[in-house]
């Protein structure tokens, strides 16, 4: 019997489906992307550890990003930098607008660099609650310090985060320490609850005041005085020197009325003139005395451990909040509920309960 000839030279044979090829290609690409991300992360961290300011700036931009895609890489960078951190002195500086914080920080930073310190300034600028914009003018105000090779100034918009403090300032501290900066200065916006947030991430908390602005103790929150490890009366020069000396006496009396701190440190009052760069060296000696005192009685390390616990809880709160608001269903429902509130058809509490139930 003769075989039937094939109708065509083209015929199907069993083999791997094209869908499997697409799936495999997709899997390979994901693996390649992960490897590439790990390589980029390791390179970035290596450059940070070598003191690269460019790499440090890129890393801080990464941890400040609100893009969920950047979260994992930011966490990887922090994790790799952490073993090289925690070797600095962290100083928080606050004071009402007009007290001369930027001028003081520049004078203080220049003094530290002159004695061989590497200084990082994390200056938190006020953000507009309407446009979310920020002036970010600290680099222009600290003209001399910004030129120093041993100084790094990073202004960050405070946004709507806790107390006006940039949401990722804590992580930025770790990155700066990993880059070799041994003195970290954090400037607050000087309003609201920013002082509380900064106090929870620094070793030494300095309150800047000026004399001649009326009752020296008027308007000072008890909590701020209790947090302060020292008070520096700025602009103590010229005709204002006499008023500054009187203010120093008043503040010293006030400080002695407060109960002893857990650090067993008695806060002190100092005079300075940031403009003329006078009294700055004495303040650094005061801070050094405090660090020596708290390390001797083990409060220094204990305080940092308590801060880490606080930031664990704070990070969980921030993550839960971010995850909640980034859900597509919540985004749509939130717009609807806001519209209903505007029309008076629901209350904020009922709307919140409804949105939270959606998340269950």
C-alpha atoms as a PDB file:
ATOM      1  CA  UNK A   1       0.000   0.000   0.000  1.00  0.00           C
ATOM      2  CA  UNK A   2       1.397   3.364  -0.946  1.00  0.00           C
ATOM      3  CA  UNK A   3       1.668   6.081   1.734  1.00  0.00           C
ATOM      4  CA  UNK A   4      -0.527   9.125   1.423  1.00  0.00           C
ATOM      5  CA  UNK A   5       1.520  12.131   0.499  1.00  0.00           C
ATOM      6  CA  UNK A   6       1.424  15.025   2.925  1.00  0.00           C
ATOM      7  CA  UNK A   7      -0.784  17.845   1.785  1.00  0.00           C
ATOM      8  CA  UNK A   8       1.826  20.400   2.806  1.00  0.00           C
ATOM      9  CA  UNK A   9       5.408  20.642   3.896  1.00  0.00           C
ATOM     10  CA  UNK A  10       4.218  22.878   6.722  1.00  0.00           C
ATOM     11  CA  UNK A  11       2.666  20.937   9.588  1.00  0.00           C
ATOM     12  CA  UNK A  12       2.309  21.330  13.369  1.00  0.00           C
ATOM     13  CA  UNK A  13       4.383  19.350  15.821  1.00  0.00           C
ATOM     14  CA  UNK A  14       4.070  19.087  19.585  1.00  0.00           C
ATOM     15  CA  UNK A  15       6.330  21.440  21.495  1.00  0.00           C
ATOM     16  CA  UNK A  16       6.514  24.241  24.080  1.00  0.00           C
ATOM     17  CA  UNK A  17       3.618  26.666  23.820  1.00  0.00           C
ATOM     18  CA  UNK A  18       4.217  30.300  23.001  1.00  0.00           C
ATOM     19  CA  UNK A  19       2.424  31.254  26.247  1.00  0.00           C
ATOM     20  CA  UNK A  20       5.071  29.366  28.244  1.00  0.00           C
ATOM     21  CA  UNK A  21       7.785  31.206  26.346  1.00  0.00           C
ATOM     22  CA  UNK A  22       6.197  34.540  27.261  1.00  0.00           C
ATOM     23  CA  UNK A  23       5.863  33.505  30.917  1.00  0.00           C
ATOM     24  CA  UNK A  24       9.492  32.347  31.038  1.00  0.00           C
ATOM     25  CA  UNK A  25      10.665  35.553  29.373  1.00  0.00           C
ATOM     26  CA  UNK A  26       8.689  37.568  31.931  1.00  0.00           C
ATOM     27  CA  UNK A  27      10.190  35.587  34.826  1.00  0.00           C
ATOM     28  CA  UNK A  28      13.697  36.014  33.445  1.00  0.00           C
ATOM     29  CA  UNK A  29      13.171  39.761  33.102  1.00  0.00           C
ATOM     30  CA  UNK A  30      11.970  40.027  36.729  1.00  0.00           C
ATOM     31  CA  UNK A  31      15.036  38.132  37.918  1.00  0.00           C
ATOM     32  CA  UNK A  32      17.287  40.356  35.798  1.00  0.00           C
ATOM     33  CA  UNK A  33      15.590  43.486  37.150  1.00  0.00           C
ATOM     34  CA  UNK A  34      16.079  42.287  40.739  1.00  0.00           C
ATOM     35  CA  UNK A  35      19.747  41.549  40.118  1.00  0.00           C
ATOM     36  CA  UNK A  36      20.199  44.920  38.474  1.00  0.00           C
ATOM     37  CA  UNK A  37      18.477  46.673  41.420  1.00  0.00           C
ATOM     38  CA  UNK A  38      20.725  44.822  43.893  1.00  0.00           C
ATOM     39  CA  UNK A  39      23.813  45.816  41.915  1.00  0.00           C
ATOM     40  CA  UNK A  40      22.695  49.470  41.772  1.00  0.00           C
ATOM     41  CA  UNK A  41      21.955  49.401  45.524  1.00  0.00           C
ATOM     42  CA  UNK A  42      25.335  47.883  46.428  1.00  0.00           C
ATOM     43  CA  UNK A  43      27.133  50.382  44.184  1.00  0.00           C
ATOM     44  CA  UNK A  44      25.231  53.256  45.779  1.00  0.00           C
ATOM     45  CA  UNK A  45      26.058  52.053  49.304  1.00  0.00           C
ATOM     46  CA  UNK A  46      29.737  51.573  48.411  1.00  0.00           C
ATOM     47  CA  UNK A  47      29.904  55.148  47.138  1.00  0.00           C
ATOM     48  CA  UNK A  48      28.184  56.410  50.323  1.00  0.00           C
ATOM     49  CA  UNK A  49      30.697  54.558  52.519  1.00  0.00           C
ATOM     50  CA  UNK A  50      33.476  56.157  50.460  1.00  0.00           C
ATOM     51  CA  UNK A  51      32.084  59.586  51.347  1.00  0.00           C
ATOM     52  CA  UNK A  52      30.464  60.494  48.031  1.00  0.00           C
ATOM     53  CA  UNK A  53      28.164  63.486  48.537  1.00  0.00           C
ATOM     54  CA  UNK A  54      26.425  62.778  45.218  1.00  0.00           C
ATOM     55  CA  UNK A  55      25.595  59.225  46.288  1.00  0.00           C
ATOM     56  CA  UNK A  56      24.449  60.451  49.711  1.00  0.00           C
ATOM     57  CA  UNK A  57      22.107  62.982  48.107  1.00  0.00           C
ATOM     58  CA  UNK A  58      20.706  60.331  45.762  1.00  0.00           C
ATOM     59  CA  UNK A  59      20.095  57.954  48.668  1.00  0.00           C
ATOM     60  CA  UNK A  60      18.301  60.603  50.737  1.00  0.00           C
ATOM     61  CA  UNK A  61      16.135  61.457  47.727  1.00  0.00           C
ATOM     62  CA  UNK A  62      15.324  57.755  47.472  1.00  0.00           C
ATOM     63  CA  UNK A  63      14.248  57.376  51.117  1.00  0.00           C
ATOM     64  CA  UNK A  64      12.233  60.604  50.947  1.00  0.00           C
ATOM     65  CA  UNK A  65      10.337  59.386  47.880  1.00  0.00           C
ATOM     66  CA  UNK A  66       6.636  58.676  48.348  1.00  0.00           C
ATOM     67  CA  UNK A  67       6.708  56.289  45.384  1.00  0.00           C
ATOM     68  CA  UNK A  68       5.976  52.745  46.695  1.00  0.00           C
ATOM     69  CA  UNK A  69       8.371  51.340  44.062  1.00  0.00           C
ATOM     70  CA  UNK A  70      11.298  53.042  45.803  1.00  0.00           C
ATOM     71  CA  UNK A  71      10.453  51.673  49.253  1.00  0.00           C
ATOM     72  CA  UNK A  72      12.243  48.312  48.934  1.00  0.00           C
ATOM     73  CA  UNK A  73      15.427  49.806  47.491  1.00  0.00           C
ATOM     74  CA  UNK A  74      15.419  52.523  50.171  1.00  0.00           C
ATOM     75  CA  UNK A  75      15.071  49.849  52.877  1.00  0.00           C
ATOM     76  CA  UNK A  76      17.930  47.854  51.329  1.00  0.00           C
ATOM     77  CA  UNK A  77      20.180  50.930  51.306  1.00  0.00           C
ATOM     78  CA  UNK A  78      19.374  51.695  54.960  1.00  0.00           C
ATOM     79  CA  UNK A  79      19.979  48.057  55.974  1.00  0.00           C
ATOM     80  CA  UNK A  80      23.420  47.991  54.329  1.00  0.00           C
ATOM     81  CA  UNK A  81      24.365  51.385  55.821  1.00  0.00           C
ATOM     82  CA  UNK A  82      23.164  50.616  59.354  1.00  0.00           C
ATOM     83  CA  UNK A  83      26.292  48.711  60.513  1.00  0.00           C
ATOM     84  CA  UNK A  84      28.337  51.805  59.632  1.00  0.00           C
ATOM     85  CA  UNK A  85      26.043  54.280  61.440  1.00  0.00           C
ATOM     86  CA  UNK A  86      25.433  55.359  65.058  1.00  0.00           C
ATOM     87  CA  UNK A  87      28.878  56.888  65.436  1.00  0.00           C
ATOM     88  CA  UNK A  88      27.908  60.566  65.470  1.00  0.00           C
ATOM     89  CA  UNK A  89      26.666  63.158  67.914  1.00  0.00           C
ATOM     90  CA  UNK A  90      23.125  64.197  66.968  1.00  0.00           C
ATOM     91  CA  UNK A  91      22.174  67.739  67.918  1.00  0.00           C
ATOM     92  CA  UNK A  92      18.674  69.173  67.594  1.00  0.00           C
ATOM     93  CA  UNK A  93      18.263  72.945  67.372  1.00  0.00           C
ATOM     94  CA  UNK A  94      14.973  74.783  67.687  1.00  0.00           C
ATOM     95  CA  UNK A  95      13.724  78.305  68.222  1.00  0.00           C
ATOM     96  CA  UNK A  96      11.007  80.608  67.019  1.00  0.00           C
ATOM     97  CA  UNK A  97      11.344  82.178  63.543  1.00  0.00           C
ATOM     98  CA  UNK A  98      13.648  85.192  63.703  1.00  0.00           C
ATOM     99  CA  UNK A  99      15.835  83.844  66.478  1.00  0.00           C
ATOM    100  CA  UNK A 100      18.686  83.343  64.014  1.00  0.00           C
ATOM    101  CA  UNK A 101      18.764  79.546  63.654  1.00  0.00           C
ATOM    102  CA  UNK A 102      20.377  79.469  60.214  1.00  0.00           C
ATOM    103  CA  UNK A 103      23.042  82.041  61.167  1.00  0.00           C
ATOM    104  CA  UNK A 104      23.733  80.141  64.384  1.00  0.00           C
ATOM    105  CA  UNK A 105      23.947  76.756  62.640  1.00  0.00           C
ATOM    106  CA  UNK A 106      26.371  78.137  60.078  1.00  0.00           C
ATOM    107  CA  UNK A 107      28.619  79.622  62.791  1.00  0.00           C
ATOM    108  CA  UNK A 108      28.359  76.419  64.840  1.00  0.00           C
ATOM    109  CA  UNK A 109      29.028  74.214  61.812  1.00  0.00           C
ATOM    110  CA  UNK A 110      32.069  76.272  60.785  1.00  0.00           C
ATOM    111  CA  UNK A 111      33.475  75.939  64.305  1.00  0.00           C
ATOM    112  CA  UNK A 112      33.053  72.167  64.192  1.00  0.00           C
ATOM    113  CA  UNK A 113      34.724  71.846  60.788  1.00  0.00           C
ATOM    114  CA  UNK A 114      37.578  74.034  62.037  1.00  0.00           C
ATOM    115  CA  UNK A 115      38.330  71.474  64.768  1.00  0.00           C
ATOM    116  CA  UNK A 116      38.254  68.544  62.342  1.00  0.00           C
ATOM    117  CA  UNK A 117      34.619  67.482  62.525  1.00  0.00           C
ATOM    118  CA  UNK A 118      32.475  66.432  59.552  1.00  0.00           C
ATOM    119  CA  UNK A 119      29.111  68.166  59.807  1.00  0.00           C
ATOM    120  CA  UNK A 120      25.791  67.249  58.219  1.00  0.00           C
ATOM    121  CA  UNK A 121      22.905  69.710  58.553  1.00  0.00           C
ATOM    122  CA  UNK A 122      19.425  68.346  58.006  1.00  0.00           C
ATOM    123  CA  UNK A 123      17.359  71.497  57.810  1.00  0.00           C
ATOM    124  CA  UNK A 124      13.605  71.035  57.667  1.00  0.00           C
ATOM    125  CA  UNK A 125      11.892  73.854  55.767  1.00  0.00           C
ATOM    126  CA  UNK A 126       8.236  74.769  56.316  1.00  0.00           C
ATOM    127  CA  UNK A 127       5.967  73.569  53.519  1.00  0.00           C
ATOM    128  CA  UNK A 128       2.901  75.375  52.307  1.00  0.00           C
ATOM    129  CA  UNK A 129      -0.245  73.567  53.458  1.00  0.00           C
ATOM    130  CA  UNK A 130      -1.912  74.756  50.255  1.00  0.00           C
ATOM    131  CA  UNK A 131       0.597  74.224  47.458  1.00  0.00           C
ATOM    132  CA  UNK A 132       2.844  71.737  49.330  1.00  0.00           C
ATOM    133  CA  UNK A 133       5.729  73.887  48.117  1.00  0.00           C
ATOM    134  CA  UNK A 134       8.781  74.742  50.171  1.00  0.00           C
ATOM    135  CA  UNK A 135      11.308  77.546  50.034  1.00  0.00           C
ATOM    136  CA  UNK A 136      14.295  75.330  50.882  1.00  0.00           C
ATOM    137  CA  UNK A 137      16.483  78.362  51.416  1.00  0.00           C
ATOM    138  CA  UNK A 138      18.973  77.080  53.976  1.00  0.00           C
ATOM    139  CA  UNK A 139      21.696  76.522  51.399  1.00  0.00           C
ATOM    140  CA  UNK A 140      21.455  80.142  50.314  1.00  0.00           C
ATOM    141  CA  UNK A 141      21.476  81.362  53.923  1.00  0.00           C
ATOM    142  CA  UNK A 142      24.528  79.286  54.894  1.00  0.00           C
ATOM    143  CA  UNK A 143      26.818  80.571  52.148  1.00  0.00           C
ATOM    144  CA  UNK A 144      30.105  79.926  53.963  1.00  0.00           C
ATOM    145  CA  UNK A 145      29.269  76.519  55.435  1.00  0.00           C
ATOM    146  CA  UNK A 146      28.004  75.126  52.145  1.00  0.00           C
ATOM    147  CA  UNK A 147      31.466  75.740  50.618  1.00  0.00           C
ATOM    148  CA  UNK A 148      33.204  73.568  53.214  1.00  0.00           C
ATOM    149  CA  UNK A 149      34.378  70.136  52.031  1.00  0.00           C
ATOM    150  CA  UNK A 150      33.564  68.729  55.471  1.00  0.00           C
ATOM    151  CA  UNK A 151      29.973  69.969  55.528  1.00  0.00           C
ATOM    152  CA  UNK A 152      26.783  68.704  53.937  1.00  0.00           C
ATOM    153  CA  UNK A 153      23.519  70.664  54.007  1.00  0.00           C
ATOM    154  CA  UNK A 154      20.279  68.987  53.079  1.00  0.00           C
ATOM    155  CA  UNK A 155      17.072  71.031  53.211  1.00  0.00           C
ATOM    156  CA  UNK A 156      13.929  68.892  53.191  1.00  0.00           C
ATOM    157  CA  UNK A 157      10.330  69.976  52.882  1.00  0.00           C
ATOM    158  CA  UNK A 158       8.436  69.186  56.070  1.00  0.00           C
ATOM    159  CA  UNK A 159       5.175  68.494  54.266  1.00  0.00           C
ATOM    160  CA  UNK A 160       2.352  67.252  56.447  1.00  0.00           C
ATOM    161  CA  UNK A 161       4.448  64.812  58.475  1.00  0.00           C
ATOM    162  CA  UNK A 162       4.667  64.587  62.257  1.00  0.00           C
ATOM    163  CA  UNK A 163       5.302  68.004  63.766  1.00  0.00           C
ATOM    164  CA  UNK A 164       6.709  69.467  60.581  1.00  0.00           C
ATOM    165  CA  UNK A 165       9.713  67.171  60.649  1.00  0.00           C
ATOM    166  CA  UNK A 166      10.562  65.548  57.320  1.00  0.00           C
ATOM    167  CA  UNK A 167       9.133  62.037  57.272  1.00  0.00           C
ATOM    168  CA  UNK A 168      12.458  60.404  56.537  1.00  0.00           C
ATOM    169  CA  UNK A 169      14.821  62.521  58.635  1.00  0.00           C
ATOM    170  CA  UNK A 170      15.562  59.529  60.849  1.00  0.00           C
ATOM    171  CA  UNK A 171      16.774  57.483  57.880  1.00  0.00           C
ATOM    172  CA  UNK A 172      18.728  60.461  56.543  1.00  0.00           C
ATOM    173  CA  UNK A 173      20.672  60.549  59.817  1.00  0.00           C
ATOM    174  CA  UNK A 174      21.751  56.931  59.287  1.00  0.00           C
ATOM    175  CA  UNK A 175      22.860  57.659  55.725  1.00  0.00           C
ATOM    176  CA  UNK A 176      24.880  60.717  56.802  1.00  0.00           C
ATOM    177  CA  UNK A 177      26.578  58.725  59.568  1.00  0.00           C
ATOM    178  CA  UNK A 178      27.447  55.951  57.104  1.00  0.00           C
ATOM    179  CA  UNK A 179      29.016  58.598  54.838  1.00  0.00           C
ATOM    180  CA  UNK A 180      31.375  59.545  57.681  1.00  0.00           C
ATOM    181  CA  UNK A 181      29.685  62.586  59.197  1.00  0.00           C
ATOM    182  CA  UNK A 182      30.339  62.593  62.948  1.00  0.00           C
ATOM    183  CA  UNK A 183      28.222  65.630  63.854  1.00  0.00           C
ATOM    184  CA  UNK A 184      24.590  65.723  62.745  1.00  0.00           C
ATOM    185  CA  UNK A 185      22.616  68.945  63.226  1.00  0.00           C
ATOM    186  CA  UNK A 186      18.838  68.865  62.827  1.00  0.00           C
ATOM    187  CA  UNK A 187      17.068  72.199  62.543  1.00  0.00           C
ATOM    188  CA  UNK A 188      13.344  72.320  63.258  1.00  0.00           C
ATOM    189  CA  UNK A 189      10.818  74.725  61.789  1.00  0.00           C
ATOM    190  CA  UNK A 190      10.265  75.974  65.326  1.00  0.00           C
ATOM    191  CA  UNK A 191       6.497  75.676  65.303  1.00  0.00           C
ATOM    192  CA  UNK A 192       3.882  73.161  66.431  1.00  0.00           C
ATOM    193  CA  UNK A 193       5.055  69.780  67.644  1.00  0.00           C
ATOM    194  CA  UNK A 194       8.279  69.717  65.611  1.00  0.00           C
ATOM    195  CA  UNK A 195      10.355  70.018  68.779  1.00  0.00           C
ATOM    196  CA  UNK A 196       8.897  66.781  70.167  1.00  0.00           C
ATOM    197  CA  UNK A 197       9.686  64.871  66.987  1.00  0.00           C
ATOM    198  CA  UNK A 198      13.253  66.198  66.763  1.00  0.00           C
ATOM    199  CA  UNK A 199      13.851  65.478  70.453  1.00  0.00           C
ATOM    200  CA  UNK A 200      13.026  61.834  69.704  1.00  0.00           C
ATOM    201  CA  UNK A 201      15.939  61.512  67.275  1.00  0.00           C
ATOM    202  CA  UNK A 202      18.796  63.541  68.806  1.00  0.00           C
ATOM    203  CA  UNK A 203      21.271  63.186  71.672  1.00  0.00           C
ATOM    204  CA  UNK A 204      21.359  66.846  72.649  1.00  0.00           C
ATOM    205  CA  UNK A 205      18.523  69.358  72.329  1.00  0.00           C
ATOM    206  CA  UNK A 206      19.342  73.074  72.148  1.00  0.00           C
ATOM    207  CA  UNK A 207      16.755  75.828  72.482  1.00  0.00           C
ATOM    208  CA  UNK A 208      17.705  79.170  70.898  1.00  0.00           C
ATOM    209  CA  UNK A 209      16.241  82.355  72.381  1.00  0.00           C
ATOM    210  CA  UNK A 210      16.739  86.080  71.987  1.00  0.00           C
ATOM    211  CA  UNK A 211      16.508  88.749  74.660  1.00  0.00           C
ATOM    212  CA  UNK A 212      14.567  91.980  74.490  1.00  0.00           C
ATOM    213  CA  UNK A 213      11.408  90.440  73.033  1.00  0.00           C
ATOM    214  CA  UNK A 214       9.232  91.111  76.064  1.00  0.00           C
ATOM    215  CA  UNK A 215       8.795  88.779  79.015  1.00  0.00           C
ATOM    216  CA  UNK A 216      11.587  86.252  78.449  1.00  0.00           C
ATOM    217  CA  UNK A 217       9.576  83.314  79.782  1.00  0.00           C
ATOM    218  CA  UNK A 218       6.271  84.312  78.219  1.00  0.00           C
ATOM    219  CA  UNK A 219       4.985  81.994  75.530  1.00  0.00           C
ATOM    220  CA  UNK A 220       7.527  79.232  76.150  1.00  0.00           C
ATOM    221  CA  UNK A 221       5.813  75.884  76.418  1.00  0.00           C
ATOM    222  CA  UNK A 222       6.688  73.926  79.530  1.00  0.00           C
ATOM    223  CA  UNK A 223       7.388  70.877  77.357  1.00  0.00           C
ATOM    224  CA  UNK A 224      10.075  72.667  75.344  1.00  0.00           C
ATOM    225  CA  UNK A 225      11.868  73.830  78.478  1.00  0.00           C
ATOM    226  CA  UNK A 226      11.724  70.296  79.864  1.00  0.00           C
ATOM    227  CA  UNK A 227      13.199  68.895  76.654  1.00  0.00           C
ATOM    228  CA  UNK A 228      16.024  71.429  76.401  1.00  0.00           C
ATOM    229  CA  UNK A 229      19.478  70.289  77.515  1.00  0.00           C
ATOM    230  CA  UNK A 230      20.701  73.862  77.140  1.00  0.00           C
ATOM    231  CA  UNK A 231      19.369  77.294  76.247  1.00  0.00           C
ATOM    232  CA  UNK A 232      21.488  79.597  74.105  1.00  0.00           C
ATOM    233  CA  UNK A 233      20.543  83.262  74.076  1.00  0.00           C
ATOM    234  CA  UNK A 234      21.535  84.432  70.628  1.00  0.00           C
ATOM    235  CA  UNK A 235      22.265  87.988  69.421  1.00  0.00           C
ATOM    236  CA  UNK A 236      23.990  88.751  72.727  1.00  0.00           C
ATOM    237  CA  UNK A 237      25.996  91.641  71.320  1.00  0.00           C
ATOM    238  CA  UNK A 238      26.076  95.440  71.191  1.00  0.00           C
ATOM    239  CA  UNK A 239      23.199  97.188  72.941  1.00  0.00           C
ATOM    240  CA  UNK A 240      21.413  93.866  73.402  1.00  0.00           C
ATOM    241  CA  UNK A 241      24.164  92.373  75.574  1.00  0.00           C
ATOM    242  CA  UNK A 242      22.780  93.761  78.837  1.00  0.00           C
ATOM    243  CA  UNK A 243      19.282  92.414  78.120  1.00  0.00           C
ATOM    244  CA  UNK A 244      20.792  89.044  77.196  1.00  0.00           C
ATOM    245  CA  UNK A 245      22.606  88.815  80.522  1.00  0.00           C
ATOM    246  CA  UNK A 246      19.382  89.583  82.411  1.00  0.00           C
ATOM    247  CA  UNK A 247      17.556  86.948  80.358  1.00  0.00           C
ATOM    248  CA  UNK A 248      20.240  84.420  81.253  1.00  0.00           C
ATOM    249  CA  UNK A 249      19.559  84.979  84.952  1.00  0.00           C
ATOM    250  CA  UNK A 250      15.799  84.534  84.432  1.00  0.00           C
ATOM    251  CA  UNK A 251      16.193  81.321  82.459  1.00  0.00           C
ATOM    252  CA  UNK A 252      18.616  79.873  84.997  1.00  0.00           C
ATOM    253  CA  UNK A 253      16.085  80.496  87.753  1.00  0.00           C
ATOM    254  CA  UNK A 254      13.346  78.858  85.695  1.00  0.00           C
ATOM    255  CA  UNK A 255      15.418  75.791  84.856  1.00  0.00           C
ATOM    256  CA  UNK A 256      16.136  75.101  88.531  1.00  0.00           C
ATOM    257  CA  UNK A 257      12.402  74.862  89.219  1.00  0.00           C
ATOM    258  CA  UNK A 258      12.033  71.787  87.023  1.00  0.00           C
ATOM    259  CA  UNK A 259      12.559  68.254  88.338  1.00  0.00           C
ATOM    260  CA  UNK A 260      15.819  66.503  87.586  1.00  0.00           C
ATOM    261  CA  UNK A 261      16.074  64.918  84.138  1.00  0.00           C
ATOM    262  CA  UNK A 262      16.517  61.182  83.645  1.00  0.00           C
ATOM    263  CA  UNK A 263      19.962  62.014  82.298  1.00  0.00           C
ATOM    264  CA  UNK A 264      20.859  63.563  85.687  1.00  0.00           C
ATOM    265  CA  UNK A 265      22.016  66.606  83.739  1.00  0.00           C
ATOM    266  CA  UNK A 266      21.246  70.135  84.897  1.00  0.00           C
ATOM    267  CA  UNK A 267      20.426  72.230  81.781  1.00  0.00           C
ATOM    268  CA  UNK A 268      22.561  75.338  81.408  1.00  0.00           C
ATOM    269  CA  UNK A 269      22.098  78.762  79.826  1.00  0.00           C
ATOM    270  CA  UNK A 270      24.717  80.263  77.544  1.00  0.00           C
ATOM    271  CA  UNK A 271      25.162  83.566  75.691  1.00  0.00           C
ATOM    272  CA  UNK A 272      26.280  83.761  72.085  1.00  0.00           C
ATOM    273  CA  UNK A 273      26.364  85.968  69.020  1.00  0.00           C
ATOM    274  CA  UNK A 274      26.133  83.883  65.867  1.00  0.00           C
ATOM    275  CA  UNK A 275      26.615  86.990  63.723  1.00  0.00           C
ATOM    276  CA  UNK A 276      29.958  87.776  65.368  1.00  0.00           C
ATOM    277  CA  UNK A 277      30.661  84.078  66.008  1.00  0.00           C
ATOM    278  CA  UNK A 278      31.155  84.639  69.716  1.00  0.00           C
ATOM    279  CA  UNK A 279      30.344  82.067  72.404  1.00  0.00           C
ATOM    280  CA  UNK A 280      30.119  79.248  69.861  1.00  0.00           C
ATOM    281  CA  UNK A 281      33.179  77.396  71.137  1.00  0.00           C
ATOM    282  CA  UNK A 282      31.833  77.530  74.709  1.00  0.00           C
ATOM    283  CA  UNK A 283      28.587  75.934  73.529  1.00  0.00           C
ATOM    284  CA  UNK A 284      30.480  73.067  71.901  1.00  0.00           C
ATOM    285  CA  UNK A 285      32.395  72.503  75.153  1.00  0.00           C
ATOM    286  CA  UNK A 286      29.045  72.427  76.950  1.00  0.00           C
ATOM    287  CA  UNK A 287      27.687  69.826  74.523  1.00  0.00           C
ATOM    288  CA  UNK A 288      30.874  67.763  74.874  1.00  0.00           C
ATOM    289  CA  UNK A 289      30.477  67.885  78.653  1.00  0.00           C
ATOM    290  CA  UNK A 290      26.898  66.626  78.310  1.00  0.00           C
ATOM    291  CA  UNK A 291      27.932  63.739  76.026  1.00  0.00           C
ATOM    292  CA  UNK A 292      30.709  62.730  78.442  1.00  0.00           C
ATOM    293  CA  UNK A 293      28.284  62.923  81.389  1.00  0.00           C
ATOM    294  CA  UNK A 294      25.538  60.825  79.750  1.00  0.00           C
ATOM    295  CA  UNK A 295      27.935  58.201  78.420  1.00  0.00           C
ATOM    296  CA  UNK A 296      29.419  57.809  81.898  1.00  0.00           C
ATOM    297  CA  UNK A 297      26.026  57.082  83.494  1.00  0.00           C
ATOM    298  CA  UNK A 298      24.855  54.956  80.507  1.00  0.00           C
ATOM    299  CA  UNK A 299      21.965  57.323  79.703  1.00  0.00           C
ATOM    300  CA  UNK A 300      23.345  58.033  76.224  1.00  0.00           C
ATOM    301  CA  UNK A 301      22.871  54.464  74.953  1.00  0.00           C
ATOM    302  CA  UNK A 302      19.665  53.943  76.942  1.00  0.00           C
ATOM    303  CA  UNK A 303      18.168  57.081  75.392  1.00  0.00           C
ATOM    304  CA  UNK A 304      19.017  55.875  71.877  1.00  0.00           C
ATOM    305  CA  UNK A 305      17.433  52.484  72.556  1.00  0.00           C
ATOM    306  CA  UNK A 306      14.223  54.183  73.688  1.00  0.00           C
ATOM    307  CA  UNK A 307      14.295  56.345  70.563  1.00  0.00           C
ATOM    308  CA  UNK A 308      14.586  53.232  68.397  1.00  0.00           C
ATOM    309  CA  UNK A 309      11.507  51.751  70.081  1.00  0.00           C
ATOM    310  CA  UNK A 310       9.596  54.971  69.456  1.00  0.00           C
ATOM    311  CA  UNK A 311      10.565  54.991  65.782  1.00  0.00           C
ATOM    312  CA  UNK A 312       9.585  51.348  65.392  1.00  0.00           C
ATOM    313  CA  UNK A 313       6.025  52.246  66.403  1.00  0.00           C
ATOM    314  CA  UNK A 314       6.105  55.445  64.354  1.00  0.00           C
ATOM    315  CA  UNK A 315       7.267  53.576  61.253  1.00  0.00           C
ATOM    316  CA  UNK A 316       4.473  51.033  61.618  1.00  0.00           C
ATOM    317  CA  UNK A 317       1.935  53.861  61.882  1.00  0.00           C
ATOM    318  CA  UNK A 318       3.369  55.598  58.805  1.00  0.00           C
ATOM    319  CA  UNK A 319       3.413  52.352  56.789  1.00  0.00           C
ATOM    320  CA  UNK A 320      -0.176  51.447  57.707  1.00  0.00           C
ATOM    321  CA  UNK A 321      -1.311  54.942  56.793  1.00  0.00           C
ATOM    322  CA  UNK A 322       0.541  54.839  53.472  1.00  0.00           C
ATOM    323  CA  UNK A 323      -0.784  51.379  52.580  1.00  0.00           C
ATOM    324  CA  UNK A 324      -4.328  52.440  53.419  1.00  0.00           C
ATOM    325  CA  UNK A 325      -4.375  55.582  51.290  1.00  0.00           C
ATOM    326  CA  UNK A 326      -2.573  53.931  48.342  1.00  0.00           C
ATOM    327  CA  UNK A 327      -5.301  51.328  47.821  1.00  0.00           C
ATOM    328  CA  UNK A 328      -7.163  52.057  44.536  1.00  0.00           C
ATOM    329  CA  UNK A 329     -10.556  51.283  46.136  1.00  0.00           C
ATOM    330  CA  UNK A 330      -9.858  53.646  49.023  1.00  0.00           C
ATOM    331  CA  UNK A 331      -8.695  56.423  46.677  1.00  0.00           C
ATOM    332  CA  UNK A 332     -11.998  56.299  44.779  1.00  0.00           C
ATOM    333  CA  UNK A 333     -14.144  55.969  47.900  1.00  0.00           C
ATOM    334  CA  UNK A 334     -12.279  58.805  49.637  1.00  0.00           C
ATOM    335  CA  UNK A 335     -13.095  61.237  46.817  1.00  0.00           C
ATOM    336  CA  UNK A 336     -16.751  60.233  47.059  1.00  0.00           C
ATOM    337  CA  UNK A 337     -16.860  60.683  50.836  1.00  0.00           C
ATOM    338  CA  UNK A 338     -15.118  64.078  50.634  1.00  0.00           C
ATOM    339  CA  UNK A 339     -17.734  65.173  48.089  1.00  0.00           C
ATOM    340  CA  UNK A 340     -20.551  63.981  50.385  1.00  0.00           C
ATOM    341  CA  UNK A 341     -19.029  65.923  53.283  1.00  0.00           C
ATOM    342  CA  UNK A 342     -18.925  69.082  51.154  1.00  0.00           C
ATOM    343  CA  UNK A 343     -22.614  68.629  50.363  1.00  0.00           C
ATOM    344  CA  UNK A 344     -23.446  68.033  54.032  1.00  0.00           C
ATOM    345  CA  UNK A 345     -24.773  64.521  53.318  1.00  0.00           C
ATOM    346  CA  UNK A 346     -22.449  62.758  55.771  1.00  0.00           C
ATOM    347  CA  UNK A 347     -20.183  63.533  58.710  1.00  0.00           C
ATOM    348  CA  UNK A 348     -16.393  63.080  58.910  1.00  0.00           C
ATOM    349  CA  UNK A 349     -16.859  60.331  61.502  1.00  0.00           C
ATOM    350  CA  UNK A 350     -19.405  58.327  59.490  1.00  0.00           C
ATOM    351  CA  UNK A 351     -17.249  58.719  56.360  1.00  0.00           C
ATOM    352  CA  UNK A 352     -14.142  57.536  58.228  1.00  0.00           C
ATOM    353  CA  UNK A 353     -16.020  54.514  59.595  1.00  0.00           C
ATOM    354  CA  UNK A 354     -17.181  53.633  56.081  1.00  0.00           C
ATOM    355  CA  UNK A 355     -13.642  53.880  54.627  1.00  0.00           C
ATOM    356  CA  UNK A 356     -12.165  51.813  57.442  1.00  0.00           C
ATOM    357  CA  UNK A 357     -14.798  49.098  56.914  1.00  0.00           C
ATOM    358  CA  UNK A 358     -13.785  48.937  53.234  1.00  0.00           C
ATOM    359  CA  UNK A 359     -10.277  48.095  54.396  1.00  0.00           C
ATOM    360  CA  UNK A 360     -11.420  45.144  56.558  1.00  0.00           C
END
